[in-house]
Amino acid sequence: MDIARHALALVDEHHVVAIYPISSGAVATPTVVGSDWAYRKTSGNTVAMLDKVYLLRGDAIRGYVRVPAYPASHGRVRLPIADAAANL
């Protein structure tokens, strides 16, 4: 994940499979950055928030209706719903 570029890379065995636009955590609620392992995926809980992927540290990547090109979430990573549904 590159917060400065608002991008998330999906990597499989050191090969970049895809790069997605994201919105990370706002200044008051920053996203923890680094490599992480996904351990569970759920369908989400609202029309605006779908396809959540939980990471080992308790953070999550989720499909979201609004994915601005600036930090806007409460610490989680927002990904366009279509990208989350197709690829996470």
N, C-alpha and C. Protein backbone atom coordinates (compact mmCIF):
# COMPACT_ATOMS: atom_id res chain seq x y z
N MET A 1 0.85 -1.16 0.00
CA MET A 1 0.00 0.00 0.00
C MET A 1 0.90 1.22 0.00
N ASP A 2 0.58 2.17 -0.86
CA ASP A 2 1.30 3.44 -0.93
C ASP A 2 0.30 4.54 -0.63
N ILE A 3 0.33 5.00 0.62
CA ILE A 3 -0.65 6.01 1.04
C ILE A 3 -0.44 7.33 0.31
N ALA A 4 0.80 7.70 0.05
CA ALA A 4 1.08 8.96 -0.65
C ALA A 4 0.47 8.97 -2.06
N ARG A 5 0.43 7.81 -2.70
CA ARG A 5 -0.13 7.71 -4.05
C ARG A 5 -1.57 7.22 -4.05
N HIS A 6 -2.11 6.93 -2.88
CA HIS A 6 -3.48 6.42 -2.74
C HIS A 6 -3.67 5.17 -3.60
N ALA A 7 -2.76 4.21 -3.39
CA ALA A 7 -2.79 2.99 -4.20
C ALA A 7 -2.52 1.76 -3.33
N LEU A 8 -3.14 0.66 -3.72
CA LEU A 8 -2.95 -0.63 -3.07
C LEU A 8 -2.57 -1.65 -4.14
N ALA A 9 -1.49 -2.39 -3.90
CA ALA A 9 -1.06 -3.41 -4.86
C ALA A 9 -1.46 -4.79 -4.33
N LEU A 10 -2.04 -5.60 -5.20
CA LEU A 10 -2.32 -6.99 -4.90
C LEU A 10 -1.13 -7.77 -5.43
N VAL A 11 -0.40 -8.45 -4.53
CA VAL A 11 0.83 -9.13 -4.89
C VAL A 11 0.69 -10.61 -4.59
N ASP A 12 1.10 -11.44 -5.55
CA ASP A 12 1.07 -12.89 -5.39
C ASP A 12 2.48 -13.41 -5.65
N GLU A 13 3.12 -13.91 -4.62
CA GLU A 13 4.48 -14.44 -4.73
C GLU A 13 5.42 -13.47 -5.44
N HIS A 14 5.47 -12.26 -4.98
CA HIS A 14 6.37 -11.21 -5.47
C HIS A 14 6.01 -10.66 -6.85
N HIS A 15 4.84 -10.99 -7.36
CA HIS A 15 4.39 -10.47 -8.65
C HIS A 15 3.17 -9.58 -8.43
N VAL A 16 3.22 -8.37 -8.96
CA VAL A 16 2.09 -7.47 -8.85
C VAL A 16 1.00 -7.94 -9.79
N VAL A 17 -0.15 -8.27 -9.22
CA VAL A 17 -1.30 -8.75 -9.98
C VAL A 17 -2.18 -7.59 -10.43
N ALA A 18 -2.36 -6.61 -9.54
CA ALA A 18 -3.21 -5.46 -9.84
C ALA A 18 -2.87 -4.31 -8.90
N ILE A 19 -3.21 -3.11 -9.33
CA ILE A 19 -3.06 -1.92 -8.50
C ILE A 19 -4.40 -1.21 -8.47
N TYR A 20 -4.85 -0.84 -7.26
CA TYR A 20 -6.17 -0.25 -7.09
C TYR A 20 -6.08 1.13 -6.44
N PRO A 21 -6.99 2.04 -6.78
CA PRO A 21 -7.06 3.32 -6.07
C PRO A 21 -7.68 3.08 -4.70
N ILE A 22 -7.19 3.81 -3.71
CA ILE A 22 -7.71 3.66 -2.35
C ILE A 22 -7.88 5.02 -1.69
N SER A 23 -8.58 5.01 -0.58
CA SER A 23 -8.60 6.12 0.35
C SER A 23 -8.22 5.54 1.70
N SER A 24 -7.24 6.14 2.34
CA SER A 24 -6.75 5.62 3.62
C SER A 24 -7.35 6.41 4.78
N GLY A 25 -6.83 6.17 5.96
CA GLY A 25 -7.33 6.82 7.16
C GLY A 25 -7.03 8.31 7.21
N ALA A 26 -7.96 9.06 7.75
CA ALA A 26 -7.79 10.50 7.92
C ALA A 26 -6.67 10.77 8.93
N VAL A 27 -6.23 12.01 9.01
CA VAL A 27 -5.14 12.38 9.91
C VAL A 27 -5.43 11.96 11.35
N ALA A 28 -6.64 12.15 11.81
CA ALA A 28 -7.01 11.81 13.19
C ALA A 28 -7.11 10.30 13.42
N THR A 29 -7.32 9.53 12.35
CA THR A 29 -7.46 8.07 12.46
C THR A 29 -6.65 7.40 11.35
N PRO A 30 -5.32 7.46 11.43
CA PRO A 30 -4.47 6.99 10.33
C PRO A 30 -4.53 5.47 10.12
N THR A 31 -4.26 5.07 8.89
CA THR A 31 -4.15 3.66 8.53
C THR A 31 -2.75 3.18 8.88
N VAL A 32 -2.65 2.01 9.47
CA VAL A 32 -1.35 1.41 9.74
C VAL A 32 -0.84 0.84 8.42
N VAL A 33 0.38 1.16 8.05
CA VAL A 33 0.90 0.71 6.76
C VAL A 33 1.89 -0.44 6.94
N GLY A 34 2.12 -1.17 5.85
CA GLY A 34 3.07 -2.27 5.84
C GLY A 34 2.48 -3.48 5.15
N SER A 35 3.26 -4.52 5.06
CA SER A 35 2.78 -5.77 4.48
C SER A 35 1.93 -6.49 5.52
N ASP A 36 0.91 -7.14 5.07
CA ASP A 36 0.03 -7.83 6.00
C ASP A 36 -0.62 -9.02 5.31
N TRP A 37 -1.15 -9.91 6.08
CA TRP A 37 -1.84 -11.09 5.55
C TRP A 37 -3.32 -10.98 5.80
N ALA A 38 -4.08 -11.28 4.79
CA ALA A 38 -5.54 -11.34 4.93
C ALA A 38 -5.91 -12.69 5.51
N TYR A 39 -6.87 -12.71 6.43
CA TYR A 39 -7.27 -13.99 7.01
C TYR A 39 -8.74 -14.29 6.90
N ARG A 40 -9.55 -13.29 6.51
CA ARG A 40 -10.99 -13.56 6.40
C ARG A 40 -11.63 -12.52 5.50
N LYS A 41 -12.63 -12.95 4.73
CA LYS A 41 -13.40 -12.04 3.89
C LYS A 41 -14.87 -12.22 4.23
N THR A 42 -15.57 -11.09 4.33
CA THR A 42 -17.02 -11.13 4.56
C THR A 42 -17.69 -10.29 3.49
N SER A 43 -18.99 -10.40 3.41
CA SER A 43 -19.72 -9.65 2.39
C SER A 43 -19.96 -8.20 2.79
N GLY A 44 -19.65 -7.80 3.99
CA GLY A 44 -19.88 -6.44 4.44
C GLY A 44 -21.19 -6.33 5.18
N ASN A 45 -21.54 -5.09 5.55
CA ASN A 45 -22.73 -4.96 6.38
C ASN A 45 -23.70 -3.87 5.94
N THR A 46 -23.39 -3.14 4.90
CA THR A 46 -24.31 -2.11 4.41
C THR A 46 -24.23 -2.02 2.91
N VAL A 47 -25.11 -1.24 2.33
CA VAL A 47 -25.05 -1.00 0.88
C VAL A 47 -23.80 -0.21 0.52
N ALA A 48 -23.34 0.64 1.42
CA ALA A 48 -22.18 1.49 1.15
C ALA A 48 -20.85 0.81 1.45
N MET A 49 -20.85 -0.29 2.20
CA MET A 49 -19.61 -0.92 2.60
C MET A 49 -19.71 -2.43 2.37
N LEU A 50 -18.99 -2.90 1.37
CA LEU A 50 -19.10 -4.31 0.98
C LEU A 50 -17.73 -4.98 0.92
N ASP A 51 -17.74 -6.31 0.89
CA ASP A 51 -16.55 -7.12 0.67
C ASP A 51 -15.38 -6.72 1.55
N LYS A 52 -15.54 -6.90 2.86
CA LYS A 52 -14.47 -6.58 3.79
C LYS A 52 -13.46 -7.72 3.84
N VAL A 53 -12.19 -7.35 3.85
CA VAL A 53 -11.11 -8.31 4.04
C VAL A 53 -10.38 -7.90 5.30
N TYR A 54 -10.33 -8.80 6.28
CA TYR A 54 -9.69 -8.52 7.55
C TYR A 54 -8.22 -8.91 7.49
N LEU A 55 -7.39 -8.05 8.05
CA LEU A 55 -5.95 -8.29 8.07
C LEU A 55 -5.52 -8.70 9.47
N LEU A 56 -4.35 -9.31 9.59
CA LEU A 56 -3.89 -9.88 10.85
C LEU A 56 -3.89 -8.90 12.01
N ARG A 57 -3.58 -7.65 11.80
CA ARG A 57 -3.52 -6.69 12.90
C ARG A 57 -4.90 -6.16 13.27
N GLY A 58 -5.95 -6.62 12.63
CA GLY A 58 -7.29 -6.15 12.95
C GLY A 58 -7.79 -5.06 12.03
N ASP A 59 -6.94 -4.58 11.14
CA ASP A 59 -7.37 -3.59 10.16
C ASP A 59 -8.21 -4.29 9.09
N ALA A 60 -8.78 -3.50 8.19
CA ALA A 60 -9.60 -4.09 7.13
C ALA A 60 -9.49 -3.26 5.86
N ILE A 61 -9.66 -3.95 4.76
CA ILE A 61 -9.81 -3.32 3.45
C ILE A 61 -11.25 -3.58 3.07
N ARG A 62 -11.95 -2.55 2.58
CA ARG A 62 -13.36 -2.76 2.27
C ARG A 62 -13.78 -2.01 1.03
N GLY A 63 -14.71 -2.61 0.31
CA GLY A 63 -15.32 -1.92 -0.81
C GLY A 63 -16.21 -0.82 -0.28
N TYR A 64 -16.15 0.35 -0.86
CA TYR A 64 -16.91 1.48 -0.34
C TYR A 64 -17.42 2.33 -1.50
N VAL A 65 -18.55 2.95 -1.30
CA VAL A 65 -19.17 3.78 -2.35
C VAL A 65 -18.30 4.98 -2.68
N ARG A 66 -17.81 5.66 -1.65
CA ARG A 66 -17.03 6.88 -1.86
C ARG A 66 -15.56 6.59 -1.56
N VAL A 67 -14.70 6.77 -2.57
CA VAL A 67 -13.26 6.54 -2.41
C VAL A 67 -12.54 7.78 -2.93
N PRO A 68 -12.47 8.83 -2.10
CA PRO A 68 -11.80 10.06 -2.55
C PRO A 68 -10.29 9.85 -2.63
N ALA A 69 -9.61 10.68 -3.39
CA ALA A 69 -8.16 10.58 -3.56
C ALA A 69 -7.41 11.31 -2.45
N TYR A 70 -7.91 11.18 -1.24
CA TYR A 70 -7.25 11.76 -0.06
C TYR A 70 -7.67 10.91 1.15
N PRO A 71 -6.90 10.98 2.24
CA PRO A 71 -7.23 10.22 3.45
C PRO A 71 -8.58 10.66 4.02
N ALA A 72 -9.54 9.73 4.14
CA ALA A 72 -10.89 10.11 4.56
C ALA A 72 -11.56 9.11 5.50
N SER A 73 -10.99 7.93 5.68
CA SER A 73 -11.69 6.91 6.46
C SER A 73 -11.31 6.98 7.94
N HIS A 74 -11.87 6.08 8.70
CA HIS A 74 -11.56 5.97 10.12
C HIS A 74 -10.49 4.90 10.34
N GLY A 75 -9.43 4.95 9.54
CA GLY A 75 -8.31 4.03 9.70
C GLY A 75 -8.32 2.84 8.77
N ARG A 76 -9.46 2.51 8.24
CA ARG A 76 -9.54 1.39 7.31
C ARG A 76 -9.20 1.85 5.90
N VAL A 77 -9.00 0.90 5.01
CA VAL A 77 -8.69 1.23 3.62
C VAL A 77 -9.95 1.08 2.79
N ARG A 78 -10.34 2.14 2.10
CA ARG A 78 -11.49 2.09 1.19
C ARG A 78 -11.01 1.77 -0.22
N LEU A 79 -11.75 0.91 -0.87
CA LEU A 79 -11.47 0.47 -2.23
C LEU A 79 -12.78 0.55 -3.00
N PRO A 80 -12.77 0.97 -4.28
CA PRO A 80 -14.04 0.99 -5.01
C PRO A 80 -14.75 -0.37 -4.93
N ILE A 81 -16.06 -0.36 -4.76
CA ILE A 81 -16.84 -1.58 -4.60
C ILE A 81 -16.59 -2.59 -5.72
N ALA A 82 -16.55 -2.12 -6.96
CA ALA A 82 -16.35 -3.03 -8.08
C ALA A 82 -14.99 -3.75 -7.98
N ASP A 83 -13.96 -3.04 -7.57
CA ASP A 83 -12.64 -3.65 -7.42
C ASP A 83 -12.62 -4.64 -6.27
N ALA A 84 -13.27 -4.30 -5.18
CA ALA A 84 -13.31 -5.19 -4.02
C ALA A 84 -14.08 -6.46 -4.34
N ALA A 85 -15.20 -6.33 -4.99
CA ALA A 85 -16.03 -7.50 -5.31
C ALA A 85 -15.33 -8.44 -6.27
N ALA A 86 -14.60 -7.89 -7.22
CA ALA A 86 -13.97 -8.72 -8.25
C ALA A 86 -12.64 -9.32 -7.82
N ASN A 87 -11.97 -8.69 -6.88
CA ASN A 87 -10.56 -9.08 -6.66
C ASN A 87 -10.15 -9.38 -5.24
N LEU A 88 -10.95 -9.05 -4.25
CA LEU A 88 -10.51 -9.34 -2.89
C LEU A 88 -11.06 -10.67 -2.42
